[in-house]
N, C-alpha and C. Protein backbone atom coordinates (compact mmCIF):
# COMPACT_ATOMS: atom_id res chain seq x y z
N MET A 1 22.71 2.53 -13.79
CA MET A 1 23.33 2.69 -12.47
C MET A 1 22.25 3.12 -11.54
N LYS A 2 22.15 2.49 -10.39
CA LYS A 2 21.18 2.83 -9.38
C LYS A 2 21.83 3.65 -8.29
N VAL A 3 21.27 4.85 -8.09
CA VAL A 3 21.74 5.72 -7.05
C VAL A 3 20.75 5.75 -5.94
N PRO A 4 21.19 5.46 -4.70
CA PRO A 4 20.20 5.52 -3.62
C PRO A 4 19.65 6.92 -3.43
N HIS A 5 18.34 6.92 -3.21
CA HIS A 5 17.64 8.22 -3.09
C HIS A 5 17.74 8.63 -1.62
N HIS A 6 18.41 9.76 -1.37
CA HIS A 6 18.62 10.31 -0.01
C HIS A 6 17.54 11.40 0.19
N ARG A 7 16.80 11.24 1.22
CA ARG A 7 15.76 12.23 1.55
C ARG A 7 16.37 13.29 2.43
N TYR A 8 16.31 14.52 2.03
CA TYR A 8 16.83 15.64 2.85
C TYR A 8 15.82 15.91 3.94
N ARG A 9 16.25 15.88 5.14
CA ARG A 9 15.35 16.24 6.29
C ARG A 9 15.65 17.68 6.70
N CYS A 10 14.58 18.43 6.68
CA CYS A 10 14.68 19.84 7.08
C CYS A 10 15.05 19.92 8.61
N PRO A 11 16.03 20.72 8.99
CA PRO A 11 16.34 20.83 10.37
C PRO A 11 15.26 21.52 11.18
N LEU A 12 14.31 22.21 10.55
CA LEU A 12 13.26 22.81 11.28
C LEU A 12 12.11 21.85 11.63
N GLY A 13 12.13 20.65 11.07
CA GLY A 13 11.10 19.68 11.28
C GLY A 13 10.98 19.30 12.78
N ARG A 14 12.13 19.25 13.46
CA ARG A 14 12.09 18.82 14.85
C ARG A 14 11.46 19.90 15.76
N LEU A 15 11.35 21.09 15.22
CA LEU A 15 10.78 22.22 16.00
C LEU A 15 9.27 22.28 15.90
N GLN A 16 8.68 21.53 14.99
CA GLN A 16 7.23 21.55 14.84
C GLN A 16 6.54 20.84 15.98
N PRO A 17 5.45 21.37 16.49
CA PRO A 17 4.79 20.71 17.62
C PRO A 17 4.14 19.40 17.15
N GLU A 18 3.90 18.57 18.13
CA GLU A 18 3.23 17.30 17.85
C GLU A 18 1.81 17.58 17.46
N SER A 19 1.13 16.67 16.79
CA SER A 19 -0.26 16.86 16.47
C SER A 19 -1.12 16.93 17.74
N PRO A 20 -1.95 17.93 17.85
CA PRO A 20 -2.73 18.09 19.07
C PRO A 20 -3.87 17.03 19.17
N ASN A 21 -4.30 16.75 20.34
CA ASN A 21 -5.46 15.91 20.57
C ASN A 21 -6.66 16.79 20.27
N LEU A 22 -7.38 16.54 19.20
CA LEU A 22 -8.44 17.42 18.76
C LEU A 22 -9.57 17.52 19.74
N ASP A 23 -9.93 16.41 20.41
CA ASP A 23 -10.97 16.54 21.49
C ASP A 23 -10.54 17.40 22.61
N ALA A 24 -9.26 17.38 22.98
CA ALA A 24 -8.77 18.25 24.04
C ALA A 24 -8.91 19.75 23.61
N VAL A 25 -8.53 19.98 22.33
CA VAL A 25 -8.63 21.38 21.81
C VAL A 25 -10.05 21.87 21.84
N LYS A 26 -10.98 20.97 21.39
CA LYS A 26 -12.43 21.35 21.41
C LYS A 26 -12.86 21.57 22.83
N ARG A 27 -12.51 20.72 23.79
CA ARG A 27 -12.91 20.90 25.14
C ARG A 27 -12.39 22.21 25.70
N GLN A 28 -11.15 22.50 25.41
CA GLN A 28 -10.56 23.76 25.92
C GLN A 28 -11.26 24.99 25.32
N GLY A 29 -11.56 24.89 24.04
CA GLY A 29 -12.32 25.99 23.37
C GLY A 29 -13.65 26.25 24.03
N TRP A 30 -14.36 25.16 24.42
CA TRP A 30 -15.65 25.31 25.10
C TRP A 30 -15.44 25.90 26.46
N GLN A 31 -14.56 25.35 27.23
CA GLN A 31 -14.38 25.74 28.59
C GLN A 31 -13.84 27.19 28.73
N ASN A 32 -12.98 27.56 27.80
CA ASN A 32 -12.39 28.90 27.92
C ASN A 32 -13.20 29.99 27.24
N ASP A 33 -13.74 29.67 26.06
CA ASP A 33 -14.37 30.72 25.21
C ASP A 33 -15.79 30.43 24.86
N GLN A 34 -16.37 29.32 25.35
CA GLN A 34 -17.71 28.94 24.99
C GLN A 34 -17.90 28.76 23.48
N VAL A 35 -16.88 28.26 22.80
CA VAL A 35 -16.95 27.94 21.38
C VAL A 35 -17.15 26.44 21.24
N LEU A 36 -18.23 26.00 20.57
CA LEU A 36 -18.55 24.66 20.47
C LEU A 36 -18.27 24.16 19.03
N VAL A 37 -17.50 23.11 18.88
CA VAL A 37 -17.21 22.53 17.59
C VAL A 37 -17.78 21.10 17.62
N VAL A 38 -18.77 20.75 16.79
CA VAL A 38 -19.34 19.47 16.85
C VAL A 38 -19.78 19.11 15.39
N SER A 39 -19.58 17.82 15.04
CA SER A 39 -19.99 17.30 13.77
C SER A 39 -21.33 16.70 13.88
N GLU A 40 -22.14 16.87 12.83
CA GLU A 40 -23.44 16.19 12.82
C GLU A 40 -23.36 14.70 12.75
N HIS A 41 -22.16 14.19 12.47
CA HIS A 41 -21.91 12.75 12.37
C HIS A 41 -21.28 12.18 13.64
N ASP A 42 -21.18 12.94 14.67
CA ASP A 42 -20.61 12.49 15.96
C ASP A 42 -21.42 11.38 16.51
N GLN A 43 -20.83 10.20 16.74
CA GLN A 43 -21.57 9.07 17.21
C GLN A 43 -22.00 9.21 18.63
N ARG A 44 -21.48 10.14 19.38
CA ARG A 44 -21.89 10.32 20.77
C ARG A 44 -23.22 11.00 20.85
N LEU A 45 -23.75 11.58 19.79
CA LEU A 45 -25.04 12.24 19.71
C LEU A 45 -26.14 11.25 19.28
N ASP A 46 -27.34 11.39 19.82
CA ASP A 46 -28.42 10.64 19.32
C ASP A 46 -29.04 11.31 18.07
N TRP A 47 -30.04 10.69 17.48
CA TRP A 47 -30.60 11.19 16.22
C TRP A 47 -31.11 12.61 16.35
N VAL A 48 -31.85 12.84 17.42
CA VAL A 48 -32.43 14.22 17.58
C VAL A 48 -31.35 15.28 17.66
N GLU A 49 -30.30 14.95 18.46
CA GLU A 49 -29.17 15.91 18.60
C GLU A 49 -28.50 16.17 17.28
N ARG A 50 -28.27 15.12 16.45
CA ARG A 50 -27.62 15.26 15.18
C ARG A 50 -28.45 16.11 14.25
N GLN A 51 -29.84 15.92 14.26
CA GLN A 51 -30.69 16.74 13.48
C GLN A 51 -30.60 18.23 13.86
N PHE A 52 -30.58 18.39 15.21
CA PHE A 52 -30.50 19.82 15.69
C PHE A 52 -29.20 20.45 15.23
N VAL A 53 -28.09 19.74 15.33
CA VAL A 53 -26.78 20.31 14.91
C VAL A 53 -26.86 20.65 13.40
N ARG A 54 -27.39 19.69 12.61
CA ARG A 54 -27.53 19.96 11.16
C ARG A 54 -28.38 21.14 10.87
N GLN A 55 -29.57 21.26 11.50
CA GLN A 55 -30.44 22.37 11.25
C GLN A 55 -29.80 23.72 11.69
N LEU A 56 -29.16 23.68 12.85
CA LEU A 56 -28.46 24.91 13.33
C LEU A 56 -27.38 25.32 12.35
N GLY A 57 -26.53 24.39 11.87
CA GLY A 57 -25.56 24.70 10.95
C GLY A 57 -26.07 25.28 9.62
N GLU A 58 -27.19 24.69 9.11
CA GLU A 58 -27.78 25.18 7.91
C GLU A 58 -28.38 26.56 8.07
N ARG A 59 -28.96 26.79 9.27
CA ARG A 59 -29.55 28.12 9.51
C ARG A 59 -28.48 29.20 9.58
N LEU A 60 -27.36 28.91 10.20
CA LEU A 60 -26.29 29.87 10.41
C LEU A 60 -25.38 30.01 9.19
N TYR A 61 -25.12 28.93 8.46
CA TYR A 61 -24.08 28.92 7.45
C TYR A 61 -24.53 28.46 6.10
N GLY A 62 -25.74 28.18 5.91
CA GLY A 62 -26.29 27.62 4.64
C GLY A 62 -26.33 26.12 4.63
N ASN A 63 -26.57 25.49 3.50
CA ASN A 63 -26.81 24.09 3.44
C ASN A 63 -25.56 23.27 3.27
N GLY A 64 -24.35 23.84 3.40
CA GLY A 64 -23.11 23.07 3.37
C GLY A 64 -22.78 22.42 2.04
N GLY A 65 -23.25 22.96 0.91
CA GLY A 65 -22.91 22.43 -0.37
C GLY A 65 -23.83 21.37 -0.80
N LYS A 66 -24.76 20.95 0.04
CA LYS A 66 -25.71 19.98 -0.30
C LYS A 66 -26.88 20.61 -1.07
N ARG A 67 -27.26 19.99 -2.15
CA ARG A 67 -28.38 20.54 -2.95
C ARG A 67 -29.59 19.65 -2.81
N HIS A 68 -30.71 20.28 -2.52
CA HIS A 68 -31.92 19.53 -2.38
C HIS A 68 -32.73 19.66 -3.66
N GLY A 69 -33.15 18.54 -4.23
CA GLY A 69 -34.02 18.52 -5.42
C GLY A 69 -33.20 18.49 -6.62
């Protein structure tokens, strides 16, 4: 016997906010609090800028789980 599977929808689900635009959140963080969030893989950066971001991150927070050698 096949019984249709009914998915229960939580009534609180409609109260959750929409997913934020991450670039807008980053922009607001910089403009309001001077907090910069940037990935070393951001295609808007050139090679020198990506290397600077990587080196800065490693200096402040370690090598990010990457092992050399």
